[in-house]
PDB file of N, CA and C in Angstrom:
ATOM      1  N   MET A   1     180.325  98.627 176.860  1.00  0.00           N
ATOM      2  CA  MET A   1     180.708  97.229 177.476  1.00  0.00           C
ATOM      3  C   MET A   1     180.047  97.395 178.918  1.00  0.00           C
ATOM      4  N   LEU A   2     179.653  96.519 179.285  1.00  0.00           N
ATOM      5  CA  LEU A   2     179.194  96.254 180.828  1.00  0.00           C
ATOM      6  C   LEU A   2     180.363  95.753 181.498  1.00  0.00           C
ATOM      7  N   SER A   3     180.419  96.044 182.900  1.00  0.00           N
ATOM      8  CA  SER A   3     181.369  95.719 183.478  1.00  0.00           C
ATOM      9  C   SER A   3     180.844  94.025 184.176  1.00  0.00           C
ATOM     10  N   PRO A   4     182.067  93.295 184.795  1.00  0.00           N
ATOM     11  CA  PRO A   4     181.529  92.114 185.075  1.00  0.00           C
ATOM     12  C   PRO A   4     180.212  91.915 186.171  1.00  0.00           C
ATOM     13  N   HIS A   5     180.354  93.197 187.159  1.00  0.00           N
ATOM     14  CA  HIS A   5     179.618  93.359 188.200  1.00  0.00           C
ATOM     15  C   HIS A   5     178.227  93.772 187.764  1.00  0.00           C
ATOM     16  N   GLU A   6     178.269  94.469 186.578  1.00  0.00           N
ATOM     17  CA  GLU A   6     177.068  94.937 186.069  1.00  0.00           C
ATOM     18  C   GLU A   6     176.345  93.820 185.329  1.00  0.00           C
ATOM     19  N   PHE A   7     176.874  92.603 184.862  1.00  0.00           N
ATOM     20  CA  PHE A   7     176.697  91.460 183.955  1.00  0.00           C
ATOM     21  C   PHE A   7     175.824  90.849 185.097  1.00  0.00           C
ATOM     22  N   ALA A   8     176.785  90.550 186.112  1.00  0.00           N
ATOM     23  CA  ALA A   8     176.069  89.747 187.124  1.00  0.00           C
ATOM     24  C   ALA A   8     174.770  90.368 187.600  1.00  0.00           C
ATOM     25  N   THR A   9     174.845  91.742 187.790  1.00  0.00           N
ATOM     26  CA  THR A   9     173.474  92.396 188.367  1.00  0.00           C
ATOM     27  C   THR A   9     172.614  92.028 187.389  1.00  0.00           C
ATOM     28  N   LEU A  10     172.689  92.291 186.216  1.00  0.00           N
ATOM     29  CA  LEU A  10     171.670  91.957 185.287  1.00  0.00           C
ATOM     30  C   LEU A  10     171.396  90.371 185.519  1.00  0.00           C
ATOM     31  N   MET A  11     171.986  89.847 185.616  1.00  0.00           N
ATOM     32  CA  MET A  11     171.688  88.203 185.777  1.00  0.00           C
ATOM     33  C   MET A  11     170.876  87.864 186.849  1.00  0.00           C
ATOM     34  N   LEU A  12     171.306  88.664 187.850  1.00  0.00           N
ATOM     35  CA  LEU A  12     170.531  88.374 189.353  1.00  0.00           C
ATOM     36  C   LEU A  12     169.127  89.037 189.062  1.00  0.00           C
ATOM     37  N   ILE A  13     169.044  90.354 188.415  1.00  0.00           N
ATOM     38  CA  ILE A  13     167.694  90.848 188.305  1.00  0.00           C
ATOM     39  C   ILE A  13     166.784  89.970 187.599  1.00  0.00           C
ATOM     40  N   LYS A  14     167.427  89.205 186.333  1.00  0.00           N
ATOM     41  CA  LYS A  14     166.684  88.130 185.912  1.00  0.00           C
ATOM     42  C   LYS A  14     165.973  87.094 186.792  1.00  0.00           C
ATOM     43  N   ASP A  15     166.954  86.317 187.470  1.00  0.00           N
ATOM     44  CA  ASP A  15     166.564  85.382 188.350  1.00  0.00           C
ATOM     45  C   ASP A  15     165.602  85.947 189.404  1.00  0.00           C
ATOM     46  N   ALA A  16     166.015  87.065 190.411  1.00  0.00           N
ATOM     47  CA  ALA A  16     165.232  87.480 191.203  1.00  0.00           C
ATOM     48  C   ALA A  16     164.755  88.953 191.108  1.00  0.00           C
ATOM     49  N   ARG A  17     163.772  89.250 190.438  1.00  0.00           N
ATOM     50  CA  ARG A  17     163.328  90.346 190.416  1.00  0.00           C
ATOM     51  C   ARG A  17     162.836  90.916 191.916  1.00  0.00           C
ATOM     52  N   HIS A  18     162.440  89.985 192.771  1.00  0.00           N
ATOM     53  CA  HIS A  18     162.116  91.224 194.030  1.00  0.00           C
ATOM     54  C   HIS A  18     163.084  91.462 195.139  1.00  0.00           C
ATOM     55  N   GLN A  19     164.314  91.344 194.482  1.00  0.00           N
ATOM     56  CA  GLN A  19     165.353  91.761 195.712  1.00  0.00           C
ATOM     57  C   GLN A  19     165.494  92.997 195.260  1.00  0.00           C
ATOM     58  N   SER A  20     166.078  93.911 196.395  1.00  0.00           N
ATOM     59  CA  SER A  20     166.068  95.061 196.402  1.00  0.00           C
ATOM     60  C   SER A  20     167.547  95.593 196.820  1.00  0.00           C
ATOM     61  N   ASP A  21     168.057  94.978 197.352  1.00  0.00           N
ATOM     62  CA  ASP A  21     169.738  95.290 197.507  1.00  0.00           C
ATOM     63  C   ASP A  21     170.745  95.804 196.379  1.00  0.00           C
ATOM     64  N   PHE A  22     170.214  96.094 195.349  1.00  0.00           N
ATOM     65  CA  PHE A  22     171.135  95.924 194.349  1.00  0.00           C
ATOM     66  C   PHE A  22     171.727  97.630 194.070  1.00  0.00           C
ATOM     67  N   ASP A  23     173.444  97.262 193.596  1.00  0.00           N
ATOM     68  CA  ASP A  23     173.914  98.880 193.589  1.00  0.00           C
ATOM     69  C   ASP A  23     173.344  99.911 192.891  1.00  0.00           C
ATOM     70  N   GLN A  24     173.286 100.887 193.123  1.00  0.00           N
ATOM     71  CA  GLN A  24     172.520 102.188 192.604  1.00  0.00           C
ATOM     72  C   GLN A  24     173.468 102.209 191.627  1.00  0.00           C
ATOM     73  N   ALA A  25     174.554 102.331 191.268  1.00  0.00           N
ATOM     74  CA  ALA A  25     175.416 102.816 190.144  1.00  0.00           C
ATOM     75  C   ALA A  25     175.173 101.658 189.002  1.00  0.00           C
ATOM     76  N   ASP A  26     175.083 100.412 189.500  1.00  0.00           N
ATOM     77  CA  ASP A  26     175.046  99.292 188.552  1.00  0.00           C
ATOM     78  C   ASP A  26     173.734  99.380 187.646  1.00  0.00           C
ATOM     79  N   LEU A  27     172.704  99.596 188.594  1.00  0.00           N
ATOM     80  CA  LEU A  27     171.010  99.887 188.177  1.00  0.00           C
ATOM     81  C   LEU A  27     171.087 100.912 186.952  1.00  0.00           C
ATOM     82  N   ILE A  28     171.602 102.190 187.587  1.00  0.00           N
ATOM     83  CA  ILE A  28     171.483 103.376 186.411  1.00  0.00           C
ATOM     84  C   ILE A  28     172.197 102.729 184.976  1.00  0.00           C
ATOM     85  N   ALA A  29     173.631 102.302 185.203  1.00  0.00           N
ATOM     86  CA  ALA A  29     174.579 101.640 183.959  1.00  0.00           C
ATOM     87  C   ALA A  29     173.480 100.949 183.347  1.00  0.00           C
ATOM     88  N   LEU A  30     172.847  99.719 183.713  1.00  0.00           N
ATOM     89  CA  LEU A  30     172.032  98.970 183.251  1.00  0.00           C
ATOM     90  C   LEU A  30     170.771  99.751 182.666  1.00  0.00           C
ATOM     91  N   ALA A  31     170.142 100.701 183.382  1.00  0.00           N
ATOM     92  CA  ALA A  31     168.644 101.088 182.756  1.00  0.00           C
ATOM     93  C   ALA A  31     169.500 102.345 181.647  1.00  0.00           C
ATOM     94  N   ASP A  32     170.397 102.822 181.553  1.00  0.00           N
ATOM     95  CA  ASP A  32     171.156 103.764 180.835  1.00  0.00           C
ATOM     96  C   ASP A  32     171.339 103.023 179.293  1.00  0.00           C
ATOM     97  N   ARG A  33     171.572 101.966 179.450  1.00  0.00           N
ATOM     98  CA  ARG A  33     171.755 100.704 178.225  1.00  0.00           C
ATOM     99  C   ARG A  33     170.548 100.541 177.898  1.00  0.00           C
ATOM    100  N   ASP A  34     169.170 100.426 178.612  1.00  0.00           N
ATOM    101  CA  ASP A  34     168.071  99.911 178.062  1.00  0.00           C
ATOM    102  C   ASP A  34     167.965  98.537 178.467  1.00  0.00           C
ATOM    103  N   LEU A  35     169.007  97.880 179.378  1.00  0.00           N
ATOM    104  CA  LEU A  35     168.690  96.654 179.640  1.00  0.00           C
ATOM    105  C   LEU A  35     168.027  96.654 180.677  1.00  0.00           C
ATOM    106  N   ILE A  36     167.366  97.187 181.458  1.00  0.00           N
ATOM    107  CA  ILE A  36     166.289  97.213 182.359  1.00  0.00           C
ATOM    108  C   ILE A  36     165.574  98.350 182.788  1.00  0.00           C
ATOM    109  N   THR A  37     164.263  98.349 183.184  1.00  0.00           N
ATOM    110  CA  THR A  37     163.660  99.289 183.887  1.00  0.00           C
ATOM    111  C   THR A  37     163.724  99.277 185.031  1.00  0.00           C
ATOM    112  N   ILE A  38     163.356 100.384 185.795  1.00  0.00           N
ATOM    113  CA  ILE A  38     163.394 100.531 187.511  1.00  0.00           C
ATOM    114  C   ILE A  38     162.014 101.037 187.554  1.00  0.00           C
ATOM    115  N   GLY A  39     161.335 100.234 187.968  1.00  0.00           N
ATOM    116  CA  GLY A  39     159.940 100.630 188.645  1.00  0.00           C
ATOM    117  C   GLY A  39     159.583 100.777 189.879  1.00  0.00           C
ATOM    118  N   LEU A  40     159.051 101.882 190.191  1.00  0.00           N
ATOM    119  CA  LEU A  40     158.792 102.024 191.749  1.00  0.00           C
ATOM    120  C   LEU A  40     157.523 102.056 192.167  1.00  0.00           C
ATOM    121  N   PRO A  41     157.039 100.913 192.345  1.00  0.00           N
ATOM    122  CA  PRO A  41     155.457 100.002 192.713  1.00  0.00           C
ATOM    123  C   PRO A  41     155.410 100.859 193.997  1.00  0.00           C
ATOM    124  N   ASP A  42     155.776 101.060 194.830  1.00  0.00           N
ATOM    125  CA  ASP A  42     155.537 101.965 196.185  1.00  0.00           C
ATOM    126  C   ASP A  42     156.927 102.463 196.765  1.00  0.00           C
ATOM    127  N   ALA A  43     156.837 103.480 197.697  1.00  0.00           N
ATOM    128  CA  ALA A  43     158.067 104.167 198.151  1.00  0.00           C
ATOM    129  C   ALA A  43     159.048 103.697 198.463  1.00  0.00           C
ATOM    130  N   ALA A  44     158.715 102.350 198.988  1.00  0.00           N
ATOM    131  CA  ALA A  44     159.758 101.779 199.853  1.00  0.00           C
ATOM    132  C   ALA A  44     160.667 100.624 199.155  1.00  0.00           C
ATOM    133  N   ARG A  45     160.063 100.123 197.683  1.00  0.00           N
ATOM    134  CA  ARG A  45     161.066  99.443 197.263  1.00  0.00           C
ATOM    135  C   ARG A  45     161.372  99.490 195.700  1.00  0.00           C
ATOM    136  N   ILE A  46     162.207  99.436 195.200  1.00  0.00           N
ATOM    137  CA  ILE A  46     162.572  99.348 194.319  1.00  0.00           C
ATOM    138  C   ILE A  46     162.374  97.822 193.004  1.00  0.00           C
ATOM    139  N   ALA A  47     162.096  98.067 191.930  1.00  0.00           N
ATOM    140  CA  ALA A  47     161.689  97.189 191.448  1.00  0.00           C
ATOM    141  C   ALA A  47     162.114  96.830 189.882  1.00  0.00           C
ATOM    142  N   PRO A  48     163.477  96.490 189.440  1.00  0.00           N
ATOM    143  CA  PRO A  48     164.097  96.699 188.215  1.00  0.00           C
ATOM    144  C   PRO A  48     163.547  95.328 187.525  1.00  0.00           C
ATOM    145  N   CYS A  49     163.428  95.538 186.398  1.00  0.00           N
ATOM    146  CA  CYS A  49     162.312  94.468 185.301  1.00  0.00           C
ATOM    147  C   CYS A  49     163.650  94.504 184.154  1.00  0.00           C
ATOM    148  N   VAL A  50     164.315  93.315 183.784  1.00  0.00           N
ATOM    149  CA  VAL A  50     164.799  93.108 182.540  1.00  0.00           C
ATOM    150  C   VAL A  50     164.301  93.400 181.291  1.00  0.00           C
ATOM    151  N   THR A  51     164.891  94.158 180.429  1.00  0.00           N
ATOM    152  CA  THR A  51     164.062  94.644 179.200  1.00  0.00           C
ATOM    153  C   THR A  51     164.204  93.240 178.115  1.00  0.00           C
ATOM    154  N   ASP A  52     163.678  93.606 177.077  1.00  0.00           N
ATOM    155  CA  ASP A  52     163.615  92.737 175.824  1.00  0.00           C
ATOM    156  C   ASP A  52     164.888  92.582 175.328  1.00  0.00           C
ATOM    157  N   ARG A  53     165.454  94.117 175.398  1.00  0.00           N
ATOM    158  CA  ARG A  53     167.103  94.062 175.079  1.00  0.00           C
ATOM    159  C   ARG A  53     168.061  93.397 176.042  1.00  0.00           C
ATOM    160  N   GLY A  54     167.588  93.412 177.638  1.00  0.00           N
ATOM    161  CA  GLY A  54     168.248  92.731 178.301  1.00  0.00           C
ATOM    162  C   GLY A  54     168.445  91.413 178.194  1.00  0.00           C
ATOM    163  N   HIS A  55     167.476  90.613 177.815  1.00  0.00           N
ATOM    164  CA  HIS A  55     167.068  89.291 177.578  1.00  0.00           C
ATOM    165  C   HIS A  55     167.862  89.007 176.489  1.00  0.00           C
ATOM    166  N   ALA A  56     167.833  89.638 175.477  1.00  0.00           N
ATOM    167  CA  ALA A  56     168.610  89.431 174.007  1.00  0.00           C
ATOM    168  C   ALA A  56     169.946  89.230 174.445  1.00  0.00           C
ATOM    169  N   LEU A  57     170.520  90.067 175.071  1.00  0.00           N
ATOM    170  CA  LEU A  57     171.709  90.109 175.448  1.00  0.00           C
ATOM    171  C   LEU A  57     172.419  88.575 176.352  1.00  0.00           C
ATOM    172  N   LEU A  58     171.438  88.692 177.328  1.00  0.00           N
ATOM    173  CA  LEU A  58     171.930  87.318 178.067  1.00  0.00           C
ATOM    174  C   LEU A  58     171.607  86.196 177.152  1.00  0.00           C
ATOM    175  N   ALA A  59     170.899  86.024 176.636  1.00  0.00           N
ATOM    176  CA  ALA A  59     170.739  84.902 175.439  1.00  0.00           C
ATOM    177  C   ALA A  59     171.960  84.643 174.430  1.00  0.00           C
ATOM    178  N   ARG A  60     172.162  85.850 174.047  1.00  0.00           N
ATOM    179  CA  ARG A  60     173.564  85.700 172.975  1.00  0.00           C
ATOM    180  C   ARG A  60     174.802  85.453 174.117  1.00  0.00           C
ATOM    181  N   LEU A  61     174.647  85.722 175.324  1.00  0.00           N
ATOM    182  CA  LEU A  61     176.277  85.347 176.218  1.00  0.00           C
ATOM    183  C   LEU A  61     175.717  84.034 176.841  1.00  0.00           C
ATOM    184  N   GLY A  62     174.951  83.500 176.651  1.00  0.00           N
ATOM    185  CA  GLY A  62     174.851  81.956 177.044  1.00  0.00           C
ATOM    186  C   GLY A  62     174.056  82.169 178.325  1.00  0.00           C
ATOM    187  N   ALA A  63     173.540  83.534 179.228  1.00  0.00           N
ATOM    188  CA  ALA A  63     173.171  83.377 179.963  1.00  0.00           C
ATOM    189  C   ALA A  63     171.693  83.108 180.377  1.00  0.00           C
ATOM    190  N   ALA A  64     171.212  82.977 179.430  1.00  0.00           N
ATOM    191  CA  ALA A  64     169.708  82.971 179.293  1.00  0.00           C
ATOM    192  C   ALA A  64     169.106  81.291 179.873  1.00  0.00           C
ATOM    193  N   GLN A  65     167.943  81.269 180.283  1.00  0.00           N
ATOM    194  CA  GLN A  65     167.594  79.792 180.596  1.00  0.00           C
ATOM    195  C   GLN A  65     166.795  79.555 179.923  1.00  0.00           C
ATOM    196  N   PRO A  66     166.925  78.218 178.978  1.00  0.00           N
ATOM    197  CA  PRO A  66     166.048  77.446 178.074  1.00  0.00           C
ATOM    198  C   PRO A  66     164.631  77.668 177.962  1.00  0.00           C
TER     199      PRO A  66
END
């Protein structure tokens, strides 16, 4: 089960993929559940991206955009 903070982080990643000040523990927890991927396009920036499984979870919980 996701914590409220992890769920909020998932929603923020969905809406603002270029933000890079996410809590590392939240990113790891979401990646471990296969809800996001964490790409490193260059050494200076983390680029998390919501997976299909993450989008499905958000849709089931009513947090997906129409």
